Amino acid sequence: MRTETRAIGNVLVVRLSGELDLGTAPEFRGRVEEELDARPDVTCMFLVLRDVTFIDSSGLGVILGRYKRLRARGGSLVAVSPSPQVRKVFELSGLATIIPVCETEDEAWARASGV
């Protein structure tokens, strides 16, 4: 798994590629937690999932944990461009009813700016 992060104002954009599973979830959690600790002004996270090829319950759990942390700050987490297999897991698990899913980053930015 590869994780790229970039803060833009109060938004943390996280791009994932590869598998998010039991073996890689701790790495993802650590990387995002470092970013959130270093940036207390971040209230929104865009999780770009276009290049994620597999996700299991550990991956869902680590995403839900970051969602809860951001909610505690009064913020939100948005899943962006999930691959078809990730979208299916989000829908089957019910996570898609908790975490908004946007097809594009433009749509996520519009949502974040209240447009």
PDB file of N, CA and C in Angstrom:
ATOM      1  N   MET A   1       0.839  -1.176   0.000  1.00  0.00           N
ATOM      2  CA  MET A   1       0.000   0.000   0.000  1.00  0.00           C
ATOM      3  C   MET A   1       0.882   1.236   0.000  1.00  0.00           C
ATOM      4  N   ARG A   2       0.429   2.245  -0.719  1.00  0.00           N
ATOM      5  CA  ARG A   2       1.109   3.529  -0.744  1.00  0.00           C
ATOM      6  C   ARG A   2       0.137   4.598  -0.249  1.00  0.00           C
ATOM      7  N   THR A   3       0.629   5.487   0.595  1.00  0.00           N
ATOM      8  CA  THR A   3      -0.192   6.564   1.145  1.00  0.00           C
ATOM      9  C   THR A   3       0.490   7.890   0.851  1.00  0.00           C
ATOM     10  N   GLU A   4      -0.228   8.778   0.195  1.00  0.00           N
ATOM     11  CA  GLU A   4       0.264  10.134  -0.050  1.00  0.00           C
ATOM     12  C   GLU A   4      -0.675  11.101   0.645  1.00  0.00           C
ATOM     13  N   THR A   5      -0.111  12.085   1.339  1.00  0.00           N
ATOM     14  CA  THR A   5      -0.937  13.071   2.029  1.00  0.00           C
ATOM     15  C   THR A   5      -0.548  14.475   1.601  1.00  0.00           C
ATOM     16  N   ARG A   6      -1.544  15.350   1.631  1.00  0.00           N
ATOM     17  CA  ARG A   6      -1.313  16.750   1.312  1.00  0.00           C
ATOM     18  C   ARG A   6      -2.381  17.578   2.013  1.00  0.00           C
ATOM     19  N   ALA A   7      -1.946  18.552   2.783  1.00  0.00           N
ATOM     20  CA  ALA A   7      -2.894  19.437   3.461  1.00  0.00           C
ATOM     21  C   ALA A   7      -3.122  20.673   2.605  1.00  0.00           C
ATOM     22  N   ILE A   8      -4.388  21.005   2.401  1.00  0.00           N
ATOM     23  CA  ILE A   8      -4.781  22.201   1.666  1.00  0.00           C
ATOM     24  C   ILE A   8      -5.777  22.933   2.548  1.00  0.00           C
ATOM     25  N   GLY A   9      -5.316  23.988   3.196  1.00  0.00           N
ATOM     26  CA  GLY A   9      -6.173  24.687   4.152  1.00  0.00           C
ATOM     27  C   GLY A   9      -6.537  23.748   5.289  1.00  0.00           C
ATOM     28  N   ASN A  10      -7.820  23.624   5.566  1.00  0.00           N
ATOM     29  CA  ASN A  10      -8.266  22.743   6.651  1.00  0.00           C
ATOM     30  C   ASN A  10      -8.625  21.338   6.160  1.00  0.00           C
ATOM     31  N   VAL A  11      -8.215  21.005   4.920  1.00  0.00           N
ATOM     32  CA  VAL A  11      -8.523  19.704   4.334  1.00  0.00           C
ATOM     33  C   VAL A  11      -7.241  18.890   4.182  1.00  0.00           C
ATOM     34  N   LEU A  12      -7.298  17.653   4.646  1.00  0.00           N
ATOM     35  CA  LEU A  12      -6.201  16.713   4.440  1.00  0.00           C
ATOM     36  C   LEU A  12      -6.630  15.759   3.327  1.00  0.00           C
ATOM     37  N   VAL A  13      -5.893  15.783   2.220  1.00  0.00           N
ATOM     38  CA  VAL A  13      -6.181  14.891   1.097  1.00  0.00           C
ATOM     39  C   VAL A  13      -5.246  13.689   1.235  1.00  0.00           C
ATOM     40  N   VAL A  14      -5.830  12.507   1.333  1.00  0.00           N
ATOM     41  CA  VAL A  14      -5.069  11.266   1.486  1.00  0.00           C
ATOM     42  C   VAL A  14      -5.367  10.385   0.284  1.00  0.00           C
ATOM     43  N   ARG A  15      -4.320  10.055  -0.464  1.00  0.00           N
ATOM     44  CA  ARG A  15      -4.456   9.184  -1.635  1.00  0.00           C
ATOM     45  C   ARG A  15      -3.855   7.823  -1.296  1.00  0.00           C
ATOM     46  N   LEU A  16      -4.678   6.802  -1.459  1.00  0.00           N
ATOM     47  CA  LEU A  16      -4.229   5.436  -1.185  1.00  0.00           C
ATOM     48  C   LEU A  16      -4.138   4.648  -2.479  1.00  0.00           C
ATOM     49  N   SER A  17      -3.193   3.730  -2.517  1.00  0.00           N
ATOM     50  CA  SER A  17      -3.136   2.790  -3.629  1.00  0.00           C
ATOM     51  C   SER A  17      -2.694   1.436  -3.084  1.00  0.00           C
ATOM     52  N   GLY A  18      -3.184   0.378  -3.711  1.00  0.00           N
ATOM     53  CA  GLY A  18      -2.869  -0.970  -3.267  1.00  0.00           C
ATOM     54  C   GLY A  18      -3.961  -1.529  -2.385  1.00  0.00           C
ATOM     55  N   GLU A  19      -3.563  -2.362  -1.432  1.00  0.00           N
ATOM     56  CA  GLU A  19      -4.511  -3.035  -0.548  1.00  0.00           C
ATOM     57  C   GLU A  19      -4.538  -2.385   0.833  1.00  0.00           C
ATOM     58  N   LEU A  20      -5.733  -2.193   1.362  1.00  0.00           N
ATOM     59  CA  LEU A  20      -5.907  -1.697   2.726  1.00  0.00           C
ATOM     60  C   LEU A  20      -6.518  -2.842   3.520  1.00  0.00           C
ATOM     61  N   ASP A  21      -5.667  -3.548   4.255  1.00  0.00           N
ATOM     62  CA  ASP A  21      -6.098  -4.757   4.950  1.00  0.00           C
ATOM     63  C   ASP A  21      -5.384  -4.877   6.291  1.00  0.00           C
ATOM     64  N   LEU A  22      -5.490  -6.034   6.900  1.00  0.00           N
ATOM     65  CA  LEU A  22      -4.893  -6.278   8.217  1.00  0.00           C
ATOM     66  C   LEU A  22      -3.408  -5.929   8.245  1.00  0.00           C
ATOM     67  N   GLY A  23      -2.704  -6.213   7.167  1.00  0.00           N
ATOM     68  CA  GLY A  23      -1.270  -5.951   7.122  1.00  0.00           C
ATOM     69  C   GLY A  23      -0.903  -4.490   6.918  1.00  0.00           C
ATOM     70  N   THR A  24      -1.749  -3.724   6.251  1.00  0.00           N
ATOM     71  CA  THR A  24      -1.407  -2.341   5.918  1.00  0.00           C
ATOM     72  C   THR A  24      -2.188  -1.294   6.713  1.00  0.00           C
ATOM     73  N   ALA A  25      -3.261  -1.697   7.368  1.00  0.00           N
ATOM     74  CA  ALA A  25      -4.088  -0.747   8.121  1.00  0.00           C
ATOM     75  C   ALA A  25      -3.294   0.005   9.195  1.00  0.00           C
ATOM     76  N   PRO A  26      -2.392  -0.661   9.956  1.00  0.00           N
ATOM     77  CA  PRO A  26      -1.630   0.082  10.963  1.00  0.00           C
ATOM     78  C   PRO A  26      -0.749   1.179  10.359  1.00  0.00           C
ATOM     79  N   GLU A  27      -0.167   0.913   9.204  1.00  0.00           N
ATOM     80  CA  GLU A  27       0.660   1.917   8.523  1.00  0.00           C
ATOM     81  C   GLU A  27      -0.192   3.126   8.124  1.00  0.00           C
ATOM     82  N   PHE A  28      -1.355   2.857   7.548  1.00  0.00           N
ATOM     83  CA  PHE A  28      -2.274   3.924   7.168  1.00  0.00           C
ATOM     84  C   PHE A  28      -2.679   4.736   8.399  1.00  0.00           C
ATOM     85  N   ARG A  29      -3.084   4.041   9.458  1.00  0.00           N
ATOM     86  CA  ARG A  29      -3.506   4.729  10.687  1.00  0.00           C
ATOM     87  C   ARG A  29      -2.390   5.617  11.214  1.00  0.00           C
ATOM     88  N   GLY A  30      -1.175   5.089  11.281  1.00  0.00           N
ATOM     89  CA  GLY A  30      -0.042   5.855  11.797  1.00  0.00           C
ATOM     90  C   GLY A  30       0.238   7.095  10.977  1.00  0.00           C
ATOM     91  N   ARG A  31       0.219   6.950   9.672  1.00  0.00           N
ATOM     92  CA  ARG A  31       0.506   8.088   8.786  1.00  0.00           C
ATOM     93  C   ARG A  31      -0.542   9.182   8.938  1.00  0.00           C
ATOM     94  N   VAL A  32      -1.818   8.792   8.948  1.00  0.00           N
ATOM     95  CA  VAL A  32      -2.885   9.785   9.064  1.00  0.00           C
ATOM     96  C   VAL A  32      -2.897  10.413  10.455  1.00  0.00           C
ATOM     97  N   GLU A  33      -2.676   9.619  11.485  1.00  0.00           N
ATOM     98  CA  GLU A  33      -2.637  10.170  12.847  1.00  0.00           C
ATOM     99  C   GLU A  33      -1.514  11.194  12.997  1.00  0.00           C
ATOM    100  N   GLU A  34      -0.348  10.925  12.413  1.00  0.00           N
ATOM    101  CA  GLU A  34       0.752  11.901  12.438  1.00  0.00           C
ATOM    102  C   GLU A  34       0.318  13.217  11.813  1.00  0.00           C
ATOM    103  N   GLU A  35      -0.331  13.130  10.676  1.00  0.00           N
ATOM    104  CA  GLU A  35      -0.796  14.332   9.983  1.00  0.00           C
ATOM    105  C   GLU A  35      -1.834  15.081  10.816  1.00  0.00           C
ATOM    106  N   LEU A  36      -2.782  14.364  11.396  1.00  0.00           N
ATOM    107  CA  LEU A  36      -3.816  15.014  12.197  1.00  0.00           C
ATOM    108  C   LEU A  36      -3.239  15.616  13.475  1.00  0.00           C
ATOM    109  N   ASP A  37      -2.272  14.940  14.079  1.00  0.00           N
ATOM    110  CA  ASP A  37      -1.614  15.488  15.274  1.00  0.00           C
ATOM    111  C   ASP A  37      -0.863  16.775  14.952  1.00  0.00           C
ATOM    112  N   ALA A  38      -0.209  16.792  13.786  1.00  0.00           N
ATOM    113  CA  ALA A  38       0.596  17.951  13.387  1.00  0.00           C
ATOM    114  C   ALA A  38      -0.258  19.112  12.884  1.00  0.00           C
ATOM    115  N   ARG A  39      -1.505  18.840  12.532  1.00  0.00           N
ATOM    116  CA  ARG A  39      -2.378  19.861  11.940  1.00  0.00           C
ATOM    117  C   ARG A  39      -3.732  19.902  12.662  1.00  0.00           C
ATOM    118  N   PRO A  40      -3.776  20.534  13.842  1.00  0.00           N
ATOM    119  CA  PRO A  40      -5.042  20.583  14.573  1.00  0.00           C
ATOM    120  C   PRO A  40      -6.126  21.391  13.861  1.00  0.00           C
ATOM    121  N   ASP A  41      -5.751  22.164  12.827  1.00  0.00           N
ATOM    122  CA  ASP A  41      -6.737  22.948  12.080  1.00  0.00           C
ATOM    123  C   ASP A  41      -7.469  22.117  11.033  1.00  0.00           C
ATOM    124  N   VAL A  42      -6.988  20.904  10.744  1.00  0.00           N
ATOM    125  CA  VAL A  42      -7.642  20.053   9.753  1.00  0.00           C
ATOM    126  C   VAL A  42      -8.955  19.544  10.330  1.00  0.00           C
ATOM    127  N   THR A  43     -10.036  19.824   9.597  1.00  0.00           N
ATOM    128  CA  THR A  43     -11.362  19.378  10.033  1.00  0.00           C
ATOM    129  C   THR A  43     -12.039  18.488   8.994  1.00  0.00           C
ATOM    130  N   CYS A  44     -11.395  18.324   7.843  1.00  0.00           N
ATOM    131  CA  CYS A  44     -11.984  17.515   6.784  1.00  0.00           C
ATOM    132  C   CYS A  44     -10.887  16.667   6.138  1.00  0.00           C
ATOM    133  N   MET A  45     -11.225  15.444   5.817  1.00  0.00           N
ATOM    134  CA  MET A  45     -10.280  14.584   5.121  1.00  0.00           C
ATOM    135  C   MET A  45     -10.955  14.004   3.895  1.00  0.00           C
ATOM    136  N   PHE A  46     -10.281  14.121   2.752  1.00  0.00           N
ATOM    137  CA  PHE A  46     -10.704  13.463   1.527  1.00  0.00           C
ATOM    138  C   PHE A  46      -9.860  12.208   1.402  1.00  0.00           C
ATOM    139  N   LEU A  47     -10.495  11.074   1.383  1.00  0.00           N
ATOM    140  CA  LEU A  47      -9.806   9.789   1.252  1.00  0.00           C
ATOM    141  C   LEU A  47     -10.016   9.303  -0.181  1.00  0.00           C
ATOM    142  N   VAL A  48      -8.992   9.487  -1.017  1.00  0.00           N
ATOM    143  CA  VAL A  48      -9.089   9.153  -2.434  1.00  0.00           C
ATOM    144  C   VAL A  48      -8.760   7.670  -2.598  1.00  0.00           C
ATOM    145  N   LEU A  49      -9.760   6.904  -3.040  1.00  0.00           N
ATOM    146  CA  LEU A  49      -9.677   5.439  -3.061  1.00  0.00           C
ATOM    147  C   LEU A  49      -9.666   4.859  -4.473  1.00  0.00           C
ATOM    148  N   ARG A  50      -9.409   5.680  -5.459  1.00  0.00           N
ATOM    149  CA  ARG A  50      -9.439   5.266  -6.866  1.00  0.00           C
ATOM    150  C   ARG A  50      -8.520   4.072  -7.134  1.00  0.00           C
ATOM    151  N   ASP A  51      -7.343   4.058  -6.516  1.00  0.00           N
ATOM    152  CA  ASP A  51      -6.339   3.034  -6.801  1.00  0.00           C
ATOM    153  C   ASP A  51      -6.244   1.943  -5.733  1.00  0.00           C
ATOM    154  N   VAL A  52      -7.262   1.842  -4.884  1.00  0.00           N
ATOM    155  CA  VAL A  52      -7.284   0.774  -3.886  1.00  0.00           C
ATOM    156  C   VAL A  52      -7.878  -0.469  -4.550  1.00  0.00           C
ATOM    157  N   THR A  53      -7.116  -1.551  -4.499  1.00  0.00           N
ATOM    158  CA  THR A  53      -7.528  -2.782  -5.189  1.00  0.00           C
ATOM    159  C   THR A  53      -8.248  -3.766  -4.288  1.00  0.00           C
ATOM    160  N   PHE A  54      -8.099  -3.599  -2.962  1.00  0.00           N
ATOM    161  CA  PHE A  54      -8.718  -4.529  -2.013  1.00  0.00           C
ATOM    162  C   PHE A  54      -8.852  -3.832  -0.679  1.00  0.00           C
ATOM    163  N   ILE A  55      -9.955  -4.096   0.011  1.00  0.00           N
ATOM    164  CA  ILE A  55     -10.153  -3.586   1.366  1.00  0.00           C
ATOM    165  C   ILE A  55     -10.885  -4.652   2.169  1.00  0.00           C
ATOM    166  N   ASP A  56     -10.447  -4.860   3.413  1.00  0.00           N
ATOM    167  CA  ASP A  56     -11.125  -5.829   4.273  1.00  0.00           C
ATOM    168  C   ASP A  56     -11.664  -5.113   5.510  1.00  0.00           C
ATOM    169  N   SER A  57     -12.141  -5.887   6.471  1.00  0.00           N
ATOM    170  CA  SER A  57     -12.751  -5.284   7.661  1.00  0.00           C
ATOM    171  C   SER A  57     -11.751  -4.457   8.460  1.00  0.00           C
ATOM    172  N   SER A  58     -10.482  -4.818   8.437  1.00  0.00           N
ATOM    173  CA  SER A  58      -9.463  -4.018   9.128  1.00  0.00           C
ATOM    174  C   SER A  58      -9.342  -2.651   8.467  1.00  0.00           C
ATOM    175  N   GLY A  59      -9.385  -2.632   7.148  1.00  0.00           N
ATOM    176  CA  GLY A  59      -9.340  -1.372   6.413  1.00  0.00           C
ATOM    177  C   GLY A  59     -10.555  -0.509   6.700  1.00  0.00           C
ATOM    178  N   LEU A  60     -11.728  -1.133   6.724  1.00  0.00           N
ATOM    179  CA  LEU A  60     -12.939  -0.392   7.061  1.00  0.00           C
ATOM    180  C   LEU A  60     -12.865   0.173   8.474  1.00  0.00           C
ATOM    181  N   GLY A  61     -12.334  -0.634   9.387  1.00  0.00           N
ATOM    182  CA  GLY A  61     -12.228  -0.198  10.777  1.00  0.00           C
ATOM    183  C   GLY A  61     -11.308   0.995  10.946  1.00  0.00           C
ATOM    184  N   VAL A  62     -10.190   0.994  10.242  1.00  0.00           N
ATOM    185  CA  VAL A  62      -9.249   2.105  10.372  1.00  0.00           C
ATOM    186  C   VAL A  62      -9.819   3.370   9.737  1.00  0.00           C
ATOM    187  N   ILE A  63     -10.586   3.236   8.668  1.00  0.00           N
ATOM    188  CA  ILE A  63     -11.256   4.394   8.070  1.00  0.00           C
ATOM    189  C   ILE A  63     -12.305   4.936   9.037  1.00  0.00           C
ATOM    190  N   LEU A  64     -13.088   4.059   9.625  1.00  0.00           N
ATOM    191  CA  LEU A  64     -14.119   4.480  10.582  1.00  0.00           C
ATOM    192  C   LEU A  64     -13.498   5.188  11.785  1.00  0.00           C
ATOM    193  N   GLY A  65     -12.355   4.716  12.235  1.00  0.00           N
ATOM    194  CA  GLY A  65     -11.663   5.361  13.353  1.00  0.00           C
ATOM    195  C   GLY A  65     -11.245   6.787  13.030  1.00  0.00           C
ATOM    196  N   ARG A  66     -10.744   7.034  11.806  1.00  0.00           N
ATOM    197  CA  ARG A  66     -10.355   8.386  11.406  1.00  0.00           C
ATOM    198  C   ARG A  66     -11.606   9.253  11.248  1.00  0.00           C
ATOM    199  N   TYR A  67     -12.686   8.662  10.758  1.00  0.00           N
ATOM    200  CA  TYR A  67     -13.965   9.384  10.663  1.00  0.00           C
ATOM    201  C   TYR A  67     -14.386   9.868  12.057  1.00  0.00           C
ATOM    202  N   LYS A  68     -14.307   8.994  13.043  1.00  0.00           N
ATOM    203  CA  LYS A  68     -14.706   9.356  14.408  1.00  0.00           C
ATOM    204  C   LYS A  68     -13.816  10.454  14.974  1.00  0.00           C
ATOM    205  N   ARG A  69     -12.516  10.382  14.685  1.00  0.00           N
ATOM    206  CA  ARG A  69     -11.605  11.416  15.181  1.00  0.00           C
ATOM    207  C   ARG A  69     -11.962  12.772  14.575  1.00  0.00           C
ATOM    208  N   LEU A  70     -12.219  12.796  13.283  1.00  0.00           N
ATOM    209  CA  LEU A  70     -12.575  14.055  12.641  1.00  0.00           C
ATOM    210  C   LEU A  70     -13.925  14.570  13.132  1.00  0.00           C
ATOM    211  N   ARG A  71     -14.885  13.689  13.347  1.00  0.00           N
ATOM    212  CA  ARG A  71     -16.187  14.096  13.880  1.00  0.00           C
ATOM    213  C   ARG A  71     -16.029  14.733  15.256  1.00  0.00           C
ATOM    214  N   ALA A  72     -15.096  14.213  16.068  1.00  0.00           N
ATOM    215  CA  ALA A  72     -14.851  14.781  17.385  1.00  0.00           C
ATOM    216  C   ALA A  72     -14.311  16.211  17.281  1.00  0.00           C
ATOM    217  N   ARG A  73     -13.686  16.534  16.163  1.00  0.00           N
ATOM    218  CA  ARG A  73     -13.196  17.890  15.904  1.00  0.00           C
ATOM    219  C   ARG A  73     -14.283  18.761  15.273  1.00  0.00           C
ATOM    220  N   GLY A  74     -15.436  18.182  15.046  1.00  0.00           N
ATOM    221  CA  GLY A  74     -16.497  18.908  14.366  1.00  0.00           C
ATOM    222  C   GLY A  74     -16.363  18.846  12.857  1.00  0.00           C
ATOM    223  N   GLY A  75     -15.567  17.888  12.379  1.00  0.00           N
ATOM    224  CA  GLY A  75     -15.296  17.794  10.948  1.00  0.00           C
ATOM    225  C   GLY A  75     -15.917  16.585  10.288  1.00  0.00           C
ATOM    226  N   SER A  76     -15.340  16.218   9.144  1.00  0.00           N
ATOM    227  CA  SER A  76     -15.899  15.119   8.375  1.00  0.00           C
ATOM    228  C   SER A  76     -14.827  14.412   7.559  1.00  0.00           C
ATOM    229  N   LEU A  77     -15.175  13.236   7.095  1.00  0.00           N
ATOM    230  CA  LEU A  77     -14.346  12.447   6.194  1.00  0.00           C
ATOM    231  C   LEU A  77     -15.201  12.127   4.980  1.00  0.00           C
ATOM    232  N   VAL A  78     -14.619  12.272   3.798  1.00  0.00           N
ATOM    233  CA  VAL A  78     -15.331  12.002   2.554  1.00  0.00           C
ATOM    234  C   VAL A  78     -14.526  10.984   1.758  1.00  0.00           C
ATOM    235  N   ALA A  79     -15.165   9.909   1.335  1.00  0.00           N
ATOM    236  CA  ALA A  79     -14.530   8.936   0.442  1.00  0.00           C
ATOM    237  C   ALA A  79     -14.671   9.465  -0.982  1.00  0.00           C
ATOM    238  N   VAL A  80     -13.561   9.461  -1.713  1.00  0.00           N
ATOM    239  CA  VAL A  80     -13.556  10.043  -3.052  1.00  0.00           C
ATOM    240  C   VAL A  80     -13.133   8.998  -4.081  1.00  0.00           C
ATOM    241  N   SER A  81     -13.880   8.908  -5.151  1.00  0.00           N
ATOM    242  CA  SER A  81     -13.561   8.054  -6.307  1.00  0.00           C
ATOM    243  C   SER A  81     -13.223   6.617  -5.929  1.00  0.00           C
ATOM    244  N   PRO A  82     -14.058   5.964  -5.133  1.00  0.00           N
ATOM    245  CA  PRO A  82     -13.719   4.582  -4.781  1.00  0.00           C
ATOM    246  C   PRO A  82     -13.744   3.678  -6.011  1.00  0.00           C
ATOM    247  N   SER A  83     -12.802   2.753  -6.037  1.00  0.00           N
ATOM    248  CA  SER A  83     -12.806   1.761  -7.109  1.00  0.00           C
ATOM    249  C   SER A  83     -14.082   0.934  -6.979  1.00  0.00           C
ATOM    250  N   PRO A  84     -14.509   0.258  -8.037  1.00  0.00           N
ATOM    251  CA  PRO A  84     -15.755  -0.521  -7.955  1.00  0.00           C
ATOM    252  C   PRO A  84     -15.763  -1.535  -6.806  1.00  0.00           C
ATOM    253  N   GLN A  85     -14.644  -2.225  -6.578  1.00  0.00           N
ATOM    254  CA  GLN A  85     -14.613  -3.215  -5.503  1.00  0.00           C
ATOM    255  C   GLN A  85     -14.692  -2.557  -4.120  1.00  0.00           C
ATOM    256  N   VAL A  86     -14.070  -1.392  -3.961  1.00  0.00           N
ATOM    257  CA  VAL A  86     -14.142  -0.681  -2.676  1.00  0.00           C
ATOM    258  C   VAL A  86     -15.551  -0.135  -2.466  1.00  0.00           C
ATOM    259  N   ARG A  87     -16.148   0.409  -3.504  1.00  0.00           N
ATOM    260  CA  ARG A  87     -17.524   0.912  -3.394  1.00  0.00           C
ATOM    261  C   ARG A  87     -18.461  -0.203  -2.938  1.00  0.00           C
ATOM    262  N   LYS A  88     -18.299  -1.393  -3.503  1.00  0.00           N
ATOM    263  CA  LYS A  88     -19.157  -2.523  -3.144  1.00  0.00           C
ATOM    264  C   LYS A  88     -18.994  -2.881  -1.667  1.00  0.00           C
ATOM    265  N   VAL A  89     -17.756  -2.897  -1.174  1.00  0.00           N
ATOM    266  CA  VAL A  89     -17.508  -3.201   0.236  1.00  0.00           C
ATOM    267  C   VAL A  89     -18.105  -2.112   1.124  1.00  0.00           C
ATOM    268  N   PHE A  90     -17.965  -0.840   0.721  1.00  0.00           N
ATOM    269  CA  PHE A  90     -18.564   0.256   1.475  1.00  0.00           C
ATOM    270  C   PHE A  90     -20.079   0.072   1.566  1.00  0.00           C
ATOM    271  N   GLU A  91     -20.702  -0.276   0.455  1.00  0.00           N
ATOM    272  CA  GLU A  91     -22.156  -0.432   0.438  1.00  0.00           C
ATOM    273  C   GLU A  91     -22.611  -1.642   1.240  1.00  0.00           C
ATOM    274  N   LEU A  92     -21.942  -2.773   1.065  1.00  0.00           N
ATOM    275  CA  LEU A  92     -22.324  -3.993   1.782  1.00  0.00           C
ATOM    276  C   LEU A  92     -22.125  -3.865   3.289  1.00  0.00           C
ATOM    277  N   SER A  93     -21.102  -3.138   3.695  1.00  0.00           N
ATOM    278  CA  SER A  93     -20.805  -2.993   5.120  1.00  0.00           C
ATOM    279  C   SER A  93     -21.674  -1.936   5.790  1.00  0.00           C
ATOM    280  N   GLY A  94     -22.304  -1.083   4.997  1.00  0.00           N
ATOM    281  CA  GLY A  94     -23.090   0.007   5.559  1.00  0.00           C
ATOM    282  C   GLY A  94     -22.281   1.274   5.779  1.00  0.00           C
ATOM    283  N   LEU A  95     -20.990   1.233   5.514  1.00  0.00           N
ATOM    284  CA  LEU A  95     -20.146   2.408   5.714  1.00  0.00           C
ATOM    285  C   LEU A  95     -20.562   3.557   4.801  1.00  0.00           C
ATOM    286  N   ALA A  96     -21.110   3.238   3.634  1.00  0.00           N
ATOM    287  CA  ALA A  96     -21.547   4.274   2.695  1.00  0.00           C
ATOM    288  C   ALA A  96     -22.723   5.080   3.244  1.00  0.00           C
ATOM    289  N   THR A  97     -23.412   4.575   4.259  1.00  0.00           N
ATOM    290  CA  THR A  97     -24.497   5.345   4.878  1.00  0.00           C
ATOM    291  C   THR A  97     -23.970   6.289   5.951  1.00  0.00           C
ATOM    292  N   ILE A  98     -22.732   6.092   6.369  1.00  0.00           N
ATOM    293  CA  ILE A  98     -22.111   6.920   7.408  1.00  0.00           C
ATOM    294  C   ILE A  98     -21.169   7.946   6.798  1.00  0.00           C
ATOM    295  N   ILE A  99     -20.352   7.494   5.865  1.00  0.00           N
ATOM    296  CA  ILE A  99     -19.331   8.331   5.241  1.00  0.00           C
ATOM    297  C   ILE A  99     -19.800   8.706   3.838  1.00  0.00           C
ATOM    298  N   PRO A 100     -19.875  10.010   3.548  1.00  0.00           N
ATOM    299  CA  PRO A 100     -20.281  10.419   2.203  1.00  0.00           C
ATOM    300  C   PRO A 100     -19.286   9.918   1.155  1.00  0.00           C
ATOM    301  N   VAL A 101     -19.810   9.554  -0.004  1.00  0.00           N
ATOM    302  CA  VAL A 101     -18.982   9.092  -1.111  1.00  0.00           C
ATOM    303  C   VAL A 101     -19.183  10.054  -2.277  1.00  0.00           C
ATOM    304  N   CYS A 102     -18.082  10.607  -2.788  1.00  0.00           N
ATOM    305  CA  CYS A 102     -18.123  11.497  -3.939  1.00  0.00           C
ATOM    306  C   CYS A 102     -17.406  10.834  -5.102  1.00  0.00           C
ATOM    307  N   GLU A 103     -17.925  11.037  -6.295  1.00  0.00           N
ATOM    308  CA  GLU A 103     -17.323  10.433  -7.489  1.00  0.00           C
ATOM    309  C   GLU A 103     -16.018  11.093  -7.889  1.00  0.00           C
ATOM    310  N   THR A 104     -15.888  12.401  -7.641  1.00  0.00           N
ATOM    311  CA  THR A 104     -14.696  13.138  -8.054  1.00  0.00           C
ATOM    312  C   THR A 104     -14.203  14.033  -6.923  1.00  0.00           C
ATOM    313  N   GLU A 105     -12.955  14.467  -7.053  1.00  0.00           N
ATOM    314  CA  GLU A 105     -12.424  15.411  -6.071  1.00  0.00           C
ATOM    315  C   GLU A 105     -13.131  16.756  -6.187  1.00  0.00           C
ATOM    316  N   ASP A 106     -13.499  17.156  -7.402  1.00  0.00           N
ATOM    317  CA  ASP A 106     -14.240  18.403  -7.573  1.00  0.00           C
ATOM    318  C   ASP A 106     -15.548  18.361  -6.774  1.00  0.00           C
ATOM    319  N   GLU A 107     -16.222  17.223  -6.832  1.00  0.00           N
ATOM    320  CA  GLU A 107     -17.472  17.065  -6.082  1.00  0.00           C
ATOM    321  C   GLU A 107     -17.202  17.149  -4.570  1.00  0.00           C
ATOM    322  N   ALA A 108     -16.105  16.560  -4.125  1.00  0.00           N
ATOM    323  CA  ALA A 108     -15.741  16.622  -2.700  1.00  0.00           C
ATOM    324  C   ALA A 108     -15.430  18.052  -2.278  1.00  0.00           C
ATOM    325  N   TRP A 109     -14.704  18.785  -3.119  1.00  0.00           N
ATOM    326  CA  TRP A 109     -14.383  20.188  -2.800  1.00  0.00           C
ATOM    327  C   TRP A 109     -15.657  21.034  -2.751  1.00  0.00           C
ATOM    328  N   ALA A 110     -16.568  20.790  -3.666  1.00  0.00           N
ATOM    329  CA  ALA A 110     -17.828  21.532  -3.655  1.00  0.00           C
ATOM    330  C   ALA A 110     -18.598  21.241  -2.371  1.00  0.00           C
ATOM    331  N   ARG A 111     -18.594  19.982  -1.959  1.00  0.00           N
ATOM    332  CA  ARG A 111     -19.279  19.572  -0.725  1.00  0.00           C
ATOM    333  C   ARG A 111     -18.635  20.257   0.484  1.00  0.00           C
ATOM    334  N   ALA A 112     -17.290  20.296   0.507  1.00  0.00           N
ATOM    335  CA  ALA A 112     -16.569  20.880   1.630  1.00  0.00           C
ATOM    336  C   ALA A 112     -16.779  22.386   1.725  1.00  0.00           C
ATOM    337  N   SER A 113     -16.959  23.032   0.576  1.00  0.00           N
ATOM    338  CA  SER A 113     -17.140  24.478   0.581  1.00  0.00           C
ATOM    339  C   SER A 113     -18.611  24.867   0.693  1.00  0.00           C
ATOM    340  N   GLY A 114     -19.490  23.863   0.745  1.00  0.00           N
ATOM    341  CA  GLY A 114     -20.904  24.136   0.921  1.00  0.00           C
ATOM    342  C   GLY A 114     -21.615  24.607  -0.329  1.00  0.00           C
ATOM    343  N   VAL A 115     -20.996  24.390  -1.486  1.00  0.00           N
ATOM    344  CA  VAL A 115     -21.611  24.809  -2.759  1.00  0.00           C
ATOM    345  C   VAL A 115     -22.699  23.856  -3.162  1.00  0.00           C
TER     346      VAL A 115
END
